[in-house]
Amino acid sequence: MEISILCFTQPPRPPKLNPCDECGRFKLISGERFYFNANPSVFVEKGGYLKLIIQNQSGDVWQRKIEVSSPLK
C-alpha cells in the first residue's frame, strides 16, 4: 500500500511555504500502523486541511480530507 499526504492552508497561501515533513508519499506494509501529525506552524493563521490518498497494490484509490483548525492562541 501507499499513502500520500498533502497539506493545504486556507487562502492566502503563506509566503515561502515549503512541503513539511508530514507531506509526501509513504510505502506501507499490510497491517503496519502509520502515524503523522499536522504541523501547527503550517496551520497557525487560518487552518486548512490534509488530503490523504491511499492506494492498494490492485490500484484501488481512496481519498479523505481532514480539516485542521488553527491552534488556540
N, C-alpha and C. Protein backbone atom coordinates (compact mmCIF):
# COMPACT_ATOMS: atom_id res chain seq x y z
N MET A 1 0.84 -1.18 0.00
CA MET A 1 0.00 0.00 0.00
C MET A 1 0.88 1.23 0.00
N GLU A 2 0.28 2.32 -0.40
CA GLU A 2 0.98 3.60 -0.39
C GLU A 2 0.01 4.67 0.09
N ILE A 3 0.50 5.59 0.93
CA ILE A 3 -0.31 6.71 1.37
C ILE A 3 0.40 8.00 1.00
N SER A 4 -0.35 8.95 0.46
CA SER A 4 0.18 10.28 0.15
C SER A 4 -0.52 11.27 1.06
N ILE A 5 0.24 12.19 1.63
CA ILE A 5 -0.30 13.22 2.50
C ILE A 5 0.04 14.57 1.90
N LEU A 6 -0.98 15.41 1.70
CA LEU A 6 -0.80 16.75 1.16
C LEU A 6 -1.43 17.75 2.12
N CYS A 7 -0.73 18.83 2.43
CA CYS A 7 -1.24 19.87 3.33
C CYS A 7 -1.74 21.05 2.50
N PHE A 8 -2.88 21.59 2.89
CA PHE A 8 -3.42 22.78 2.24
C PHE A 8 -3.85 23.77 3.31
N THR A 9 -3.47 25.03 3.15
CA THR A 9 -3.91 26.06 4.07
C THR A 9 -5.03 26.86 3.42
N GLN A 10 -5.82 27.51 4.25
CA GLN A 10 -6.87 28.37 3.72
C GLN A 10 -6.20 29.59 3.08
N PRO A 11 -6.78 30.14 2.03
CA PRO A 11 -6.17 31.30 1.38
C PRO A 11 -6.05 32.47 2.35
N PRO A 12 -5.08 33.33 2.21
CA PRO A 12 -4.00 33.24 1.23
C PRO A 12 -2.91 32.27 1.69
N ARG A 13 -2.19 31.77 0.71
CA ARG A 13 -1.09 30.85 0.98
C ARG A 13 0.05 31.61 1.69
N PRO A 14 0.61 31.03 2.77
CA PRO A 14 1.71 31.69 3.45
C PRO A 14 2.93 31.85 2.55
N PRO A 15 3.65 32.98 2.68
CA PRO A 15 4.86 33.15 1.86
C PRO A 15 5.90 32.10 2.22
N LYS A 16 6.66 31.68 1.23
CA LYS A 16 7.74 30.70 1.41
C LYS A 16 7.26 29.38 2.01
N LEU A 17 6.04 28.96 1.68
CA LEU A 17 5.53 27.69 2.17
C LEU A 17 6.23 26.55 1.45
N ASN A 18 6.87 25.69 2.20
CA ASN A 18 7.55 24.52 1.65
C ASN A 18 6.87 23.27 2.18
N PRO A 19 6.98 22.15 1.47
CA PRO A 19 6.39 20.92 2.00
C PRO A 19 6.96 20.61 3.38
N CYS A 20 6.11 20.19 4.28
CA CYS A 20 6.56 19.85 5.63
C CYS A 20 6.96 18.37 5.66
N ASP A 21 7.53 17.94 6.77
CA ASP A 21 7.97 16.54 6.89
C ASP A 21 6.82 15.55 6.80
N GLU A 22 5.61 16.00 7.14
CA GLU A 22 4.45 15.13 7.11
C GLU A 22 3.94 14.88 5.69
N CYS A 23 4.28 15.76 4.76
CA CYS A 23 3.81 15.62 3.38
C CYS A 23 4.69 14.64 2.61
N GLY A 24 4.10 14.01 1.61
CA GLY A 24 4.87 13.11 0.75
C GLY A 24 4.14 11.80 0.53
N ARG A 25 4.88 10.86 -0.06
CA ARG A 25 4.35 9.52 -0.35
C ARG A 25 5.10 8.53 0.52
N PHE A 26 4.35 7.62 1.12
CA PHE A 26 4.94 6.67 2.05
C PHE A 26 4.44 5.26 1.73
N LYS A 27 5.35 4.31 1.64
CA LYS A 27 5.01 2.91 1.42
C LYS A 27 4.66 2.26 2.74
N LEU A 28 3.63 1.42 2.75
CA LEU A 28 3.20 0.71 3.94
C LEU A 28 3.14 -0.78 3.67
N ILE A 29 3.46 -1.54 4.69
CA ILE A 29 3.31 -2.98 4.64
C ILE A 29 1.94 -3.30 5.23
N SER A 30 1.25 -4.28 4.71
CA SER A 30 -0.08 -4.65 5.20
C SER A 30 -0.05 -4.86 6.71
N GLY A 31 -0.97 -4.19 7.40
CA GLY A 31 -1.07 -4.29 8.85
C GLY A 31 -0.19 -3.32 9.61
N GLU A 32 0.70 -2.63 8.91
CA GLU A 32 1.59 -1.66 9.56
C GLU A 32 0.81 -0.40 9.95
N ARG A 33 1.10 0.13 11.12
CA ARG A 33 0.48 1.39 11.56
C ARG A 33 1.31 2.55 11.06
N PHE A 34 0.61 3.63 10.73
CA PHE A 34 1.29 4.83 10.22
C PHE A 34 0.78 6.03 11.01
N TYR A 35 1.67 6.75 11.64
CA TYR A 35 1.30 7.91 12.45
C TYR A 35 1.84 9.17 11.80
N PHE A 36 1.06 10.24 11.86
CA PHE A 36 1.53 11.53 11.36
C PHE A 36 0.83 12.63 12.16
N ASN A 37 1.41 13.80 12.17
CA ASN A 37 0.86 14.96 12.87
C ASN A 37 0.74 16.12 11.90
N ALA A 38 -0.33 16.90 12.04
CA ALA A 38 -0.45 18.13 11.28
C ALA A 38 0.51 19.14 11.90
N ASN A 39 1.41 19.71 11.13
CA ASN A 39 2.39 20.67 11.63
C ASN A 39 1.68 21.96 12.03
N PRO A 40 1.67 22.32 13.32
CA PRO A 40 0.94 23.52 13.76
C PRO A 40 1.42 24.80 13.10
N SER A 41 2.70 24.89 12.76
CA SER A 41 3.20 26.13 12.14
C SER A 41 2.62 26.36 10.75
N VAL A 42 2.23 25.30 10.07
CA VAL A 42 1.63 25.44 8.74
C VAL A 42 0.21 26.00 8.84
N PHE A 43 -0.51 25.62 9.89
CA PHE A 43 -1.91 25.98 10.01
C PHE A 43 -2.17 27.08 11.06
N VAL A 44 -1.11 27.78 11.46
CA VAL A 44 -1.21 28.72 12.58
C VAL A 44 -2.16 29.90 12.31
N GLU A 45 -2.25 30.38 11.10
CA GLU A 45 -3.05 31.57 10.81
C GLU A 45 -4.53 31.28 10.61
N LYS A 46 -4.84 30.38 9.68
CA LYS A 46 -6.25 30.20 9.30
C LYS A 46 -6.70 28.76 9.23
N GLY A 47 -5.86 27.82 9.56
CA GLY A 47 -6.26 26.43 9.44
C GLY A 47 -6.18 25.96 8.00
N GLY A 48 -6.77 24.82 7.73
CA GLY A 48 -6.73 24.26 6.39
C GLY A 48 -7.16 22.81 6.43
N TYR A 49 -6.52 21.98 5.62
CA TYR A 49 -6.87 20.57 5.63
C TYR A 49 -5.72 19.72 5.12
N LEU A 50 -5.78 18.44 5.48
CA LEU A 50 -4.87 17.43 4.96
C LEU A 50 -5.65 16.58 3.98
N LYS A 51 -5.05 16.26 2.87
CA LYS A 51 -5.66 15.36 1.89
C LYS A 51 -4.85 14.06 1.93
N LEU A 52 -5.53 12.96 2.24
CA LEU A 52 -4.91 11.64 2.28
C LEU A 52 -5.34 10.85 1.06
N ILE A 53 -4.39 10.29 0.36
CA ILE A 53 -4.66 9.46 -0.81
C ILE A 53 -4.04 8.09 -0.52
N ILE A 54 -4.89 7.09 -0.46
CA ILE A 54 -4.45 5.73 -0.12
C ILE A 54 -4.67 4.85 -1.34
N GLN A 55 -3.62 4.11 -1.72
CA GLN A 55 -3.70 3.23 -2.89
C GLN A 55 -3.19 1.85 -2.51
N ASN A 56 -3.97 0.82 -2.87
CA ASN A 56 -3.51 -0.54 -2.60
C ASN A 56 -2.78 -1.09 -3.82
N GLN A 57 -2.27 -2.31 -3.70
CA GLN A 57 -1.49 -2.92 -4.78
C GLN A 57 -2.32 -3.20 -6.02
N SER A 58 -3.64 -3.30 -5.87
CA SER A 58 -4.51 -3.54 -7.02
C SER A 58 -4.81 -2.26 -7.79
N GLY A 59 -4.39 -1.11 -7.23
CA GLY A 59 -4.64 0.16 -7.90
C GLY A 59 -5.88 0.88 -7.41
N ASP A 60 -6.62 0.28 -6.45
CA ASP A 60 -7.78 0.96 -5.88
C ASP A 60 -7.30 2.17 -5.08
N VAL A 61 -8.04 3.28 -5.19
CA VAL A 61 -7.63 4.52 -4.54
C VAL A 61 -8.77 5.05 -3.68
N TRP A 62 -8.43 5.49 -2.46
CA TRP A 62 -9.37 6.15 -1.57
C TRP A 62 -8.78 7.50 -1.20
N GLN A 63 -9.63 8.53 -1.14
CA GLN A 63 -9.18 9.86 -0.75
C GLN A 63 -10.01 10.33 0.44
N ARG A 64 -9.34 10.97 1.39
CA ARG A 64 -10.01 11.54 2.55
C ARG A 64 -9.46 12.94 2.79
N LYS A 65 -10.35 13.80 3.25
CA LYS A 65 -9.97 15.19 3.57
C LYS A 65 -10.18 15.37 5.07
N ILE A 66 -9.14 15.81 5.77
CA ILE A 66 -9.20 16.03 7.21
C ILE A 66 -9.02 17.53 7.48
N GLU A 67 -10.06 18.16 8.02
CA GLU A 67 -10.00 19.58 8.34
C GLU A 67 -9.05 19.80 9.52
N VAL A 68 -8.26 20.87 9.45
CA VAL A 68 -7.35 21.24 10.54
C VAL A 68 -7.66 22.67 10.95
N SER A 69 -8.04 22.84 12.22
CA SER A 69 -8.30 24.18 12.75
C SER A 69 -6.98 24.81 13.18
N SER A 70 -6.93 26.14 13.15
CA SER A 70 -5.72 26.80 13.64
C SER A 70 -5.63 26.57 15.14
N PRO A 71 -4.39 26.42 15.65
CA PRO A 71 -4.22 26.15 17.09
C PRO A 71 -4.75 27.31 17.93
N LEU A 72 -5.21 26.99 19.13
CA LEU A 72 -5.67 28.02 20.05
C LEU A 72 -4.51 28.91 20.45
N LYS A 73 -4.77 30.17 20.52
CA LYS A 73 -3.71 31.11 20.90
C LYS A 73 -3.89 31.57 22.32
